Protein backbone atom coordinates (compact mmCIF):
# COMPACT_ATOMS: atom_id res chain seq x y z
CA MET A 1 -79.15 98.23 -207.09
CA ALA A 2 -78.41 101.67 -208.49
CA ARG A 3 -76.90 102.72 -205.18
CA GLU A 4 -74.65 99.63 -205.20
CA ALA A 5 -73.41 100.72 -208.65
CA ASN A 6 -72.90 104.33 -207.47
CA TYR A 7 -75.66 105.35 -209.87
CA ASP A 8 -73.41 104.45 -212.82
CA ILE A 9 -75.48 102.82 -215.58
CA HIS A 10 -72.46 100.95 -216.97
CA GLN A 11 -71.65 99.49 -213.57
CA LEU A 12 -75.32 98.67 -212.99
CA CYS A 13 -75.41 96.73 -216.29
CA GLU A 14 -72.16 94.93 -215.43
CA ASN A 15 -73.53 93.99 -212.00
CA THR A 16 -76.69 92.70 -213.66
CA ARG A 17 -74.73 90.61 -216.16
CA ARG A 18 -72.61 89.15 -213.35
CA TRP A 19 -75.71 88.32 -211.32
CA MET A 20 -77.30 86.64 -214.35
CA ALA A 21 -74.16 84.53 -214.88
CA GLU A 22 -74.19 83.46 -211.22
CA HIS A 23 -77.95 82.73 -211.23
CA PRO A 24 -78.83 81.03 -214.52
CA HIS A 25 -82.49 80.73 -215.44
CA ASN A 26 -83.58 77.11 -215.39
CA GLY A 27 -87.34 77.43 -215.77
CA PRO A 28 -89.56 77.83 -218.79
CA ALA A 29 -89.61 81.18 -220.58
CA VAL A 30 -93.10 82.63 -220.87
CA ARG A 31 -93.47 85.00 -223.80
CA ASN A 32 -97.16 85.89 -223.62
CA ALA A 33 -100.37 85.44 -221.65
CA GLU A 34 -101.43 82.34 -223.60
CA GLU A 35 -98.17 80.55 -222.79
CA LEU A 36 -98.64 81.49 -219.13
CA ARG A 37 -102.17 80.05 -219.13
CA GLN A 38 -100.88 76.83 -220.71
CA LEU A 39 -98.05 76.55 -218.18
CA ILE A 40 -100.44 77.05 -215.25
CA ALA A 41 -102.91 74.51 -216.66
CA GLU A 42 -100.14 71.92 -217.07
CA LYS A 43 -98.89 72.52 -213.52
CA GLU A 44 -102.45 72.06 -212.19
CA ARG A 45 -102.85 68.81 -214.16
CA GLN A 46 -99.56 67.53 -212.73
CA ARG A 47 -100.56 68.49 -209.20
CA ALA A 48 -103.95 66.76 -209.55
CA GLY A 49 -102.32 63.47 -210.52
CA PRO A 50 -104.22 60.60 -212.05
CA ALA A 51 -107.97 60.41 -211.76
CA ALA A 52 -109.09 59.21 -208.34
CA VAL A 53 -111.79 56.93 -209.75
CA ALA A 54 -111.26 54.36 -212.47
CA LEU A 55 -113.88 51.93 -213.74
CA ASN A 56 -112.46 48.51 -214.50
CA ASP A 57 -115.66 46.45 -214.66
CA GLU A 58 -117.98 46.06 -217.59
CA PRO A 59 -121.42 47.61 -217.19
CA PRO A 60 -124.23 45.20 -216.23
CA LYS A 61 -125.92 43.29 -219.05
CA PRO A 62 -129.53 44.30 -219.74
CA VAL A 63 -132.17 41.84 -218.44
CA LYS A 64 -134.49 40.36 -221.11
């Protein structure tokens, strides 16, 4: 990147600003490790989907 800007810091910053305008960030911003852990946990819950087993019947009545 520096070579593309001819090692000019001002040009490098301008190129970076232009690139950012052309490629807007559309994902969540992670500010710390805890937020990253929460994001990963949520993604894993979404990937797992609903529970594979669901009980719909009542348990058997005890025999007297």
